[in-house]
Amino acid sequence: MNRLMNTGPEGRLIRKARGLACSLDDLIDKADALLLEAKNADEDMMNCYNFRDENLMKHLSEHNTDEVQMQLLRDNAELKATAEEFRSGTEHIMAKYREHCDGDMFIDTYHLREQYMAGLAGIVQHQNERIEQMAEVMKMIVDLEDRASDGNQQVIRQLSVENEQMRRQLQINCGDPLFRQGSLGSSESSTQFELSLSSDPDASGASSLDSLESFISCLSTTANGELDSDNSSGRSEVSQLEVSRLIDEALAESFTEPSSSQAE
């Protein structure tokens, strides 16, 4: 594969690119050398100009007798020296200014970075506060749900207790002896009343009392039957028949008592 890369068109392009890179490096080195030589040549030229000016001043001072021209030459030399000092001072000031600007730029960049990081920290803190607020709200919601569930459980327990109490009351009402007496005592009272009429006329008072007691028991069974609508619907008709029978027996007994007193 490497051989194909080296012998193919791609390999040729790679070799050409490498040759161009090497030649570019050589050109960069030559340019650096030329710049260095140009700088040295500039310094040499400046030294030549200075040497020429000095020789000119010496020649004029030796061969020129005019004081005005000599003063002008001296002023010119002083001005050149002043200009050179000014140029060097300006370069020094510019160098310091560049350093100061670079330092200010670095400081400004640092401050900008600090401000950016502070903004990010503020955003993160705000998000953390919102998360904490949401957590508090969720805790409150869970607490309210727990309280509501506790209230529902308490209501359910109360209803279950009331239901159990109602069941016990219904069981007590269904097992009441007056209910049984109302259902069975009527037939017994009627048979006792018939036996008392047929056998012994002196026991009519006791039979009348028994009939009144059976009548009261029937009334109590009807009152208790109103609590349970399902059971009272079938037994109310029997109790009414027994009540009417007891009333007829009491009336018959009331008619028989005066006749027995008149016979005595």
C-alpha atoms as a PDB file:
ATOM      1  CA  MET A   1       0.000   0.000   0.000  1.00  0.00           C
ATOM      2  CA  ASN A   2       2.827   2.416   0.848  1.00  0.00           C
ATOM      3  CA  ARG A   3       4.598   1.528  -2.383  1.00  0.00           C
ATOM      4  CA  LEU A   4       1.443   2.304  -4.374  1.00  0.00           C
ATOM      5  CA  MET A   5       1.157   5.604  -2.530  1.00  0.00           C
ATOM      6  CA  ASN A   6       4.778   6.441  -3.366  1.00  0.00           C
ATOM      7  CA  THR A   7       4.550   5.459  -7.062  1.00  0.00           C
ATOM      8  CA  GLY A   8       1.069   6.747  -7.843  1.00  0.00           C
ATOM      9  CA  PRO A   9      -0.111  10.289  -8.634  1.00  0.00           C
ATOM     10  CA  GLU A  10      -0.857  10.923  -4.964  1.00  0.00           C
ATOM     11  CA  GLY A  11       2.747  10.061  -4.122  1.00  0.00           C
ATOM     12  CA  ARG A  12       4.005  12.489  -6.741  1.00  0.00           C
ATOM     13  CA  LEU A  13       1.787  15.226  -5.336  1.00  0.00           C
ATOM     14  CA  ILE A  14       3.048  14.508  -1.841  1.00  0.00           C
ATOM     15  CA  ARG A  15       6.664  14.684  -3.006  1.00  0.00           C
ATOM     16  CA  LYS A  16       6.002  17.983  -4.783  1.00  0.00           C
ATOM     17  CA  ALA A  17       4.310  19.376  -1.663  1.00  0.00           C
ATOM     18  CA  ARG A  18       7.302  18.351   0.421  1.00  0.00           C
ATOM     19  CA  GLY A  19       9.660  20.022  -2.080  1.00  0.00           C
ATOM     20  CA  LEU A  20       7.583  23.218  -1.986  1.00  0.00           C
ATOM     21  CA  ALA A  21       7.634  23.190   1.810  1.00  0.00           C
ATOM     22  CA  CYS A  22      11.396  22.771   1.868  1.00  0.00           C
ATOM     23  CA  SER A  23      11.906  25.545  -0.699  1.00  0.00           C
ATOM     24  CA  LEU A  24       9.558  27.795   1.285  1.00  0.00           C
ATOM     25  CA  ASP A  25      11.616  27.195   4.398  1.00  0.00           C
ATOM     26  CA  ASP A  26      14.744  28.080   2.455  1.00  0.00           C
ATOM     27  CA  LEU A  27      13.117  31.264   1.183  1.00  0.00           C
ATOM     28  CA  ILE A  28      12.086  32.220   4.710  1.00  0.00           C
ATOM     29  CA  ASP A  29      15.648  31.712   5.932  1.00  0.00           C
ATOM     30  CA  LYS A  30      17.004  33.776   3.010  1.00  0.00           C
ATOM     31  CA  ALA A  31      14.478  36.539   3.709  1.00  0.00           C
ATOM     32  CA  ASP A  32      15.557  36.662   7.331  1.00  0.00           C
ATOM     33  CA  ALA A  33      19.182  36.874   6.249  1.00  0.00           C
ATOM     34  CA  LEU A  34      18.363  39.655   3.778  1.00  0.00           C
ATOM     35  CA  LEU A  35      16.469  41.610   6.428  1.00  0.00           C
ATOM     36  CA  LEU A  36      19.443  41.297   8.759  1.00  0.00           C
ATOM     37  CA  GLU A  37      21.797  42.445   6.019  1.00  0.00           C
ATOM     38  CA  ALA A  38      19.467  45.353   5.180  1.00  0.00           C
ATOM     39  CA  LYS A  39      19.456  46.410   8.799  1.00  0.00           C
ATOM     40  CA  ASN A  40      23.231  46.254   8.942  1.00  0.00           C
ATOM     41  CA  ALA A  41      23.448  48.204   5.670  1.00  0.00           C
ATOM     42  CA  ASP A  42      21.119  50.836   7.073  1.00  0.00           C
ATOM     43  CA  GLU A  43      23.288  51.179  10.138  1.00  0.00           C
ATOM     44  CA  ASP A  44      26.374  51.439   7.930  1.00  0.00           C
ATOM     45  CA  MET A  45      24.698  54.104   5.817  1.00  0.00           C
ATOM     46  CA  MET A  46      23.753  56.072   8.904  1.00  0.00           C
ATOM     47  CA  ASN A  47      27.306  55.820  10.163  1.00  0.00           C
ATOM     48  CA  CYS A  48      28.551  57.032   6.774  1.00  0.00           C
ATOM     49  CA  TYR A  49      26.173  59.985   6.862  1.00  0.00           C
ATOM     50  CA  ASN A  50      27.353  60.849  10.336  1.00  0.00           C
ATOM     51  CA  PHE A  51      30.984  60.517   9.331  1.00  0.00           C
ATOM     52  CA  ARG A  52      30.414  62.703   6.265  1.00  0.00           C
ATOM     53  CA  ASP A  53      28.680  65.328   8.363  1.00  0.00           C
ATOM     54  CA  GLU A  54      31.477  65.338  10.880  1.00  0.00           C
ATOM     55  CA  ASN A  55      34.120  65.641   8.175  1.00  0.00           C
ATOM     56  CA  LEU A  56      32.128  68.409   6.538  1.00  0.00           C
ATOM     57  CA  MET A  57      31.921  70.268   9.798  1.00  0.00           C
ATOM     58  CA  LYS A  58      35.655  69.897  10.333  1.00  0.00           C
ATOM     59  CA  HIS A  59      36.413  71.056   6.826  1.00  0.00           C
ATOM     60  CA  LEU A  60      34.157  74.076   7.136  1.00  0.00           C
ATOM     61  CA  SER A  61      35.512  74.952  10.518  1.00  0.00           C
ATOM     62  CA  GLU A  62      39.050  74.811   9.227  1.00  0.00           C
ATOM     63  CA  HIS A  63      38.610  76.567   5.872  1.00  0.00           C
ATOM     64  CA  ASN A  64      35.505  78.751   6.335  1.00  0.00           C
ATOM     65  CA  THR A  65      35.979  82.212   7.778  1.00  0.00           C
ATOM     66  CA  ASP A  66      32.319  83.306   7.848  1.00  0.00           C
ATOM     67  CA  GLU A  67      30.948  83.302  11.376  1.00  0.00           C
ATOM     68  CA  VAL A  68      27.326  83.215  10.226  1.00  0.00           C
ATOM     69  CA  GLN A  69      27.740  80.025   8.283  1.00  0.00           C
ATOM     70  CA  MET A  70      29.694  78.499  11.146  1.00  0.00           C
ATOM     71  CA  GLN A  71      26.831  79.286  13.543  1.00  0.00           C
ATOM     72  CA  LEU A  72      24.333  77.806  11.149  1.00  0.00           C
ATOM     73  CA  LEU A  73      26.380  74.645  10.884  1.00  0.00           C
ATOM     74  CA  ARG A  74      26.579  74.388  14.646  1.00  0.00           C
ATOM     75  CA  ASP A  75      22.817  74.880  14.972  1.00  0.00           C
ATOM     76  CA  ASN A  76      22.228  72.274  12.310  1.00  0.00           C
ATOM     77  CA  ALA A  77      24.354  69.754  14.174  1.00  0.00           C
ATOM     78  CA  GLU A  78      22.524  70.500  17.413  1.00  0.00           C
ATOM     79  CA  LEU A  79      19.162  70.133  15.695  1.00  0.00           C
ATOM     80  CA  LYS A  80      20.208  66.787  14.266  1.00  0.00           C
ATOM     81  CA  ALA A  81      21.253  65.619  17.713  1.00  0.00           C
ATOM     82  CA  THR A  82      17.972  66.871  19.170  1.00  0.00           C
ATOM     83  CA  ALA A  83      15.989  65.136  16.431  1.00  0.00           C
ATOM     84  CA  GLU A  84      17.860  61.922  17.118  1.00  0.00           C
ATOM     85  CA  GLU A  85      17.121  62.193  20.821  1.00  0.00           C
ATOM     86  CA  PHE A  86      13.500  62.966  20.071  1.00  0.00           C
ATOM     87  CA  ARG A  87      13.256  59.944  17.777  1.00  0.00           C
ATOM     88  CA  SER A  88      14.827  57.645  20.343  1.00  0.00           C
ATOM     89  CA  GLY A  89      12.586  59.076  23.067  1.00  0.00           C
ATOM     90  CA  THR A  90       9.525  58.631  20.894  1.00  0.00           C
ATOM     91  CA  GLU A  91      10.471  55.032  20.216  1.00  0.00           C
ATOM     92  CA  HIS A  92      10.990  54.446  23.910  1.00  0.00           C
ATOM     93  CA  ILE A  93       7.603  56.010  24.716  1.00  0.00           C
ATOM     94  CA  MET A  94       5.887  53.937  22.063  1.00  0.00           C
ATOM     95  CA  ALA A  95       7.514  50.767  23.394  1.00  0.00           C
ATOM     96  CA  LYS A  96       6.315  51.582  26.913  1.00  0.00           C
ATOM     97  CA  TYR A  97       2.885  52.423  25.570  1.00  0.00           C
ATOM     98  CA  ARG A  98       2.713  49.091  23.759  1.00  0.00           C
ATOM     99  CA  GLU A  99       3.719  47.274  26.920  1.00  0.00           C
ATOM    100  CA  HIS A 100       1.152  49.230  28.890  1.00  0.00           C
ATOM    101  CA  CYS A 101      -1.551  48.521  26.321  1.00  0.00           C
ATOM    102  CA  ASP A 102      -0.634  44.869  26.292  1.00  0.00           C
ATOM    103  CA  GLY A 103      -0.851  44.828  30.082  1.00  0.00           C
ATOM    104  CA  ASP A 104      -4.168  46.679  29.987  1.00  0.00           C
ATOM    105  CA  MET A 105      -5.481  44.301  27.391  1.00  0.00           C
ATOM    106  CA  PHE A 106      -4.424  41.388  29.538  1.00  0.00           C
ATOM    107  CA  ILE A 107      -6.055  42.983  32.589  1.00  0.00           C
ATOM    108  CA  ASP A 108      -9.195  43.799  30.618  1.00  0.00           C
ATOM    109  CA  THR A 109      -9.304  40.256  29.293  1.00  0.00           C
ATOM    110  CA  TYR A 110      -8.894  38.957  32.823  1.00  0.00           C
ATOM    111  CA  HIS A 111     -11.666  41.258  34.066  1.00  0.00           C
ATOM    112  CA  LEU A 112     -13.923  40.223  31.212  1.00  0.00           C
ATOM    113  CA  ARG A 113     -13.259  36.588  32.043  1.00  0.00           C
ATOM    114  CA  GLU A 114     -13.988  37.254  35.718  1.00  0.00           C
ATOM    115  CA  GLN A 115     -17.213  39.050  34.816  1.00  0.00           C
ATOM    116  CA  TYR A 116     -18.236  36.204  32.526  1.00  0.00           C
ATOM    117  CA  MET A 117     -17.495  33.627  35.213  1.00  0.00           C
ATOM    118  CA  ALA A 118     -19.371  35.743  37.767  1.00  0.00           C
ATOM    119  CA  GLY A 119     -22.371  35.859  35.429  1.00  0.00           C
ATOM    120  CA  LEU A 120     -22.241  32.104  34.997  1.00  0.00           C
ATOM    121  CA  ALA A 121     -21.962  31.667  38.777  1.00  0.00           C
ATOM    122  CA  GLY A 122     -25.001  33.934  39.232  1.00  0.00           C
ATOM    123  CA  ILE A 123     -26.980  31.893  36.717  1.00  0.00           C
ATOM    124  CA  VAL A 124     -25.991  28.657  38.463  1.00  0.00           C
ATOM    125  CA  GLN A 125     -26.905  30.107  41.851  1.00  0.00           C
ATOM    126  CA  HIS A 126     -30.273  31.281  40.508  1.00  0.00           C
ATOM    127  CA  GLN A 127     -30.937  27.832  39.092  1.00  0.00           C
ATOM    128  CA  ASN A 128     -29.981  26.256  42.426  1.00  0.00           C
ATOM    129  CA  GLU A 129     -32.374  28.585  44.238  1.00  0.00           C
ATOM    130  CA  ARG A 130     -35.160  27.676  41.824  1.00  0.00           C
ATOM    131  CA  ILE A 131     -34.383  23.985  42.315  1.00  0.00           C
ATOM    132  CA  GLU A 132     -34.528  24.457  46.090  1.00  0.00           C
ATOM    133  CA  GLN A 133     -37.847  26.300  45.764  1.00  0.00           C
ATOM    134  CA  MET A 134     -39.254  23.508  43.608  1.00  0.00           C
ATOM    135  CA  ALA A 135     -38.028  20.969  46.155  1.00  0.00           C
ATOM    136  CA  GLU A 136     -39.785  22.887  48.949  1.00  0.00           C
ATOM    137  CA  VAL A 137     -42.983  23.021  46.880  1.00  0.00           C
ATOM    138  CA  MET A 138     -42.774  19.290  46.232  1.00  0.00           C
ATOM    139  CA  LYS A 139     -42.252  18.652  49.943  1.00  0.00           C
ATOM    140  CA  MET A 140     -45.309  20.773  50.749  1.00  0.00           C
ATOM    141  CA  ILE A 141     -47.370  18.907  48.148  1.00  0.00           C
ATOM    142  CA  VAL A 142     -46.247  15.546  49.544  1.00  0.00           C
ATOM    143  CA  ASP A 143     -47.050  16.750  53.077  1.00  0.00           C
ATOM    144  CA  LEU A 144     -50.522  17.883  51.992  1.00  0.00           C
ATOM    145  CA  GLU A 145     -51.106  14.572  50.237  1.00  0.00           C
ATOM    146  CA  ASP A 146     -50.005  12.713  53.357  1.00  0.00           C
ATOM    147  CA  ARG A 147     -52.355  14.811  55.480  1.00  0.00           C
ATOM    148  CA  ALA A 148     -55.203  14.226  53.046  1.00  0.00           C
ATOM    149  CA  SER A 149     -54.504  10.497  53.031  1.00  0.00           C
ATOM    150  CA  ASP A 150     -54.408  10.503  56.847  1.00  0.00           C
ATOM    151  CA  GLY A 151     -57.745  12.334  56.906  1.00  0.00           C
ATOM    152  CA  ASN A 152     -59.216   9.848  54.435  1.00  0.00           C
ATOM    153  CA  GLN A 153     -57.925   6.948  56.502  1.00  0.00           C
ATOM    154  CA  GLN A 154     -59.446   8.494  59.624  1.00  0.00           C
ATOM    155  CA  VAL A 155     -62.797   8.940  57.855  1.00  0.00           C
ATOM    156  CA  ILE A 156     -62.636   5.361  56.612  1.00  0.00           C
ATOM    157  CA  ARG A 157     -61.885   4.090  60.114  1.00  0.00           C
ATOM    158  CA  GLN A 158     -64.721   6.173  61.552  1.00  0.00           C
ATOM    159  CA  LEU A 159     -67.132   4.872  58.922  1.00  0.00           C
ATOM    160  CA  SER A 160     -66.001   1.318  59.530  1.00  0.00           C
ATOM    161  CA  VAL A 161     -66.555   1.773  63.280  1.00  0.00           C
ATOM    162  CA  GLU A 162     -70.008   3.250  62.670  1.00  0.00           C
ATOM    163  CA  ASN A 163     -70.804   0.430  60.268  1.00  0.00           C
ATOM    164  CA  GLU A 164     -69.756  -2.113  62.857  1.00  0.00           C
ATOM    165  CA  GLN A 165     -71.895  -0.380  65.482  1.00  0.00           C
ATOM    166  CA  MET A 166     -74.892  -0.379  63.142  1.00  0.00           C
ATOM    167  CA  ARG A 167     -74.368  -4.077  62.428  1.00  0.00           C
ATOM    168  CA  ARG A 168     -74.270  -4.809  66.143  1.00  0.00           C
ATOM    169  CA  GLN A 169     -77.439  -2.787  66.694  1.00  0.00           C
ATOM    170  CA  LEU A 170     -79.172  -4.645  63.887  1.00  0.00           C
ATOM    171  CA  GLN A 171     -78.043  -7.957  65.346  1.00  0.00           C
ATOM    172  CA  ILE A 172     -79.343  -6.884  68.780  1.00  0.00           C
ATOM    173  CA  ASN A 173     -82.662  -5.784  67.295  1.00  0.00           C
ATOM    174  CA  CYS A 174     -82.993  -9.024  65.378  1.00  0.00           C
ATOM    175  CA  GLY A 175     -82.164 -11.030  68.524  1.00  0.00           C
ATOM    176  CA  ASP A 176     -84.520  -9.047  70.787  1.00  0.00           C
ATOM    177  CA  PRO A 177     -86.858 -11.386  72.798  1.00  0.00           C
ATOM    178  CA  LEU A 178     -89.761  -8.972  72.266  1.00  0.00           C
ATOM    179  CA  PHE A 179     -89.519  -9.648  68.533  1.00  0.00           C
ATOM    180  CA  ARG A 180     -89.731 -13.376  69.181  1.00  0.00           C
ATOM    181  CA  GLN A 181     -92.529 -12.837  71.658  1.00  0.00           C
ATOM    182  CA  GLY A 182     -94.422 -10.820  69.057  1.00  0.00           C
ATOM    183  CA  SER A 183     -94.028 -13.558  66.472  1.00  0.00           C
ATOM    184  CA  LEU A 184     -94.842 -16.500  68.735  1.00  0.00           C
ATOM    185  CA  GLY A 185     -96.642 -15.094  71.760  1.00  0.00           C
ATOM    186  CA  SER A 186     -99.763 -14.169  69.799  1.00  0.00           C
ATOM    187  CA  SER A 187    -100.634 -17.743  68.961  1.00  0.00           C
ATOM    188  CA  GLU A 188     -99.835 -18.821  72.520  1.00  0.00           C
ATOM    189  CA  SER A 189    -101.951 -16.012  73.937  1.00  0.00           C
ATOM    190  CA  SER A 190    -104.828 -16.924  71.673  1.00  0.00           C
ATOM    191  CA  THR A 191    -104.625 -20.599  72.667  1.00  0.00           C
ATOM    192  CA  GLN A 192    -104.349 -19.652  76.338  1.00  0.00           C
ATOM    193  CA  PHE A 193    -107.349 -17.375  75.956  1.00  0.00           C
ATOM    194  CA  GLU A 194    -109.404 -20.146  74.362  1.00  0.00           C
ATOM    195  CA  LEU A 195    -108.406 -22.624  77.068  1.00  0.00           C
ATOM    196  CA  SER A 196    -109.271 -20.141  79.764  1.00  0.00           C
ATOM    197  CA  LEU A 197    -112.706 -19.529  78.279  1.00  0.00           C
ATOM    198  CA  SER A 198    -113.462 -23.176  77.902  1.00  0.00           C
ATOM    199  CA  SER A 199    -112.127 -24.488  81.220  1.00  0.00           C
ATOM    200  CA  ASP A 200    -112.159 -21.884  83.993  1.00  0.00           C
ATOM    201  CA  PRO A 201    -114.250 -18.687  84.104  1.00  0.00           C
ATOM    202  CA  ASP A 202    -112.300 -17.448  87.154  1.00  0.00           C
ATOM    203  CA  ALA A 203    -109.055 -17.192  85.165  1.00  0.00           C
ATOM    204  CA  SER A 204    -110.512 -14.578  82.818  1.00  0.00           C
ATOM    205  CA  GLY A 205    -108.574 -11.770  84.524  1.00  0.00           C
ATOM    206  CA  ALA A 206    -105.262 -13.540  84.050  1.00  0.00           C
ATOM    207  CA  SER A 207    -106.072 -14.310  80.434  1.00  0.00           C
ATOM    208  CA  SER A 208    -107.010 -10.677  79.831  1.00  0.00           C
ATOM    209  CA  LEU A 209    -103.654  -9.600  81.282  1.00  0.00           C
ATOM    210  CA  ASP A 210    -101.881 -12.114  79.061  1.00  0.00           C
ATOM    211  CA  SER A 211    -103.792 -10.817  76.073  1.00  0.00           C
ATOM    212  CA  LEU A 212    -102.776  -7.227  76.917  1.00  0.00           C
ATOM    213  CA  GLU A 213     -99.135  -8.271  77.276  1.00  0.00           C
ATOM    214  CA  SER A 214     -99.263 -10.039  73.928  1.00  0.00           C
ATOM    215  CA  PHE A 215    -100.868  -6.926  72.442  1.00  0.00           C
ATOM    216  CA  ILE A 216     -97.998  -4.756  73.797  1.00  0.00           C
ATOM    217  CA  SER A 217     -95.455  -7.239  72.466  1.00  0.00           C
ATOM    218  CA  CYS A 218     -97.073  -7.061  69.025  1.00  0.00           C
ATOM    219  CA  LEU A 219     -96.911  -3.280  69.131  1.00  0.00           C
ATOM    220  CA  SER A 220     -93.234  -3.457  70.117  1.00  0.00           C
ATOM    221  CA  THR A 221     -92.530  -5.820  67.230  1.00  0.00           C
ATOM    222  CA  THR A 222     -94.180  -3.424  64.787  1.00  0.00           C
ATOM    223  CA  ALA A 223     -92.090  -0.545  66.189  1.00  0.00           C
ATOM    224  CA  ASN A 224     -88.920  -2.580  65.858  1.00  0.00           C
ATOM    225  CA  GLY A 225     -89.955  -3.730  62.418  1.00  0.00           C
ATOM    226  CA  GLU A 226     -89.864  -0.160  61.108  1.00  0.00           C
ATOM    227  CA  LEU A 227     -86.043  -0.132  61.491  1.00  0.00           C
ATOM    228  CA  ASP A 228     -85.628  -3.012  59.079  1.00  0.00           C
ATOM    229  CA  SER A 229     -87.814  -2.385  56.028  1.00  0.00           C
ATOM    230  CA  ASP A 230     -86.917  -5.661  54.320  1.00  0.00           C
ATOM    231  CA  ASN A 231     -88.025  -7.895  57.239  1.00  0.00           C
ATOM    232  CA  SER A 232     -90.976  -5.792  58.445  1.00  0.00           C
ATOM    233  CA  SER A 233     -92.814  -5.890  55.102  1.00  0.00           C
ATOM    234  CA  GLY A 234     -93.533  -9.636  55.468  1.00  0.00           C
ATOM    235  CA  ARG A 235     -94.377  -9.571  59.191  1.00  0.00           C
ATOM    236  CA  SER A 236     -96.517  -6.436  59.419  1.00  0.00           C
ATOM    237  CA  GLU A 237     -99.569  -8.211  57.982  1.00  0.00           C
ATOM    238  CA  VAL A 238     -99.333 -11.036  60.582  1.00  0.00           C
ATOM    239  CA  SER A 239     -98.978  -8.527  63.439  1.00  0.00           C
ATOM    240  CA  GLN A 240    -102.047  -6.564  62.237  1.00  0.00           C
ATOM    241  CA  LEU A 241    -104.128  -9.752  62.123  1.00  0.00           C
ATOM    242  CA  GLU A 242    -102.966 -10.675  65.610  1.00  0.00           C
ATOM    243  CA  VAL A 243    -103.754  -7.192  66.905  1.00  0.00           C
ATOM    244  CA  SER A 244    -107.272  -7.299  65.437  1.00  0.00           C
ATOM    245  CA  ARG A 245    -107.795 -10.769  66.911  1.00  0.00           C
ATOM    246  CA  LEU A 246    -106.618  -9.607  70.332  1.00  0.00           C
ATOM    247  CA  ILE A 247    -108.967  -6.606  70.147  1.00  0.00           C
ATOM    248  CA  ASP A 248    -111.887  -8.885  69.324  1.00  0.00           C
ATOM    249  CA  GLU A 249    -110.961 -11.224  72.203  1.00  0.00           C
ATOM    250  CA  ALA A 250    -110.693  -8.291  74.621  1.00  0.00           C
ATOM    251  CA  LEU A 251    -114.120  -7.032  73.523  1.00  0.00           C
ATOM    252  CA  ALA A 252    -115.630 -10.505  73.906  1.00  0.00           C
ATOM    253  CA  GLU A 253    -114.092 -10.798  77.358  1.00  0.00           C
ATOM    254  CA  SER A 254    -115.490  -7.391  78.326  1.00  0.00           C
ATOM    255  CA  PHE A 255    -118.952  -8.564  77.289  1.00  0.00           C
ATOM    256  CA  THR A 256    -118.642 -11.829  79.251  1.00  0.00           C
ATOM    257  CA  GLU A 257    -117.521 -10.183  82.516  1.00  0.00           C
ATOM    258  CA  PRO A 258    -120.856  -8.298  83.211  1.00  0.00           C
ATOM    259  CA  SER A 259    -122.904 -11.428  82.503  1.00  0.00           C
ATOM    260  CA  SER A 260    -120.886 -13.487  84.961  1.00  0.00           C
ATOM    261  CA  SER A 261    -121.250 -10.770  87.636  1.00  0.00           C
ATOM    262  CA  GLN A 262    -125.020 -10.669  87.163  1.00  0.00           C
ATOM    263  CA  ALA A 263    -125.257 -14.469  87.517  1.00  0.00           C
ATOM    264  CA  GLU A 264    -123.451 -14.340  90.833  1.00  0.00           C
END
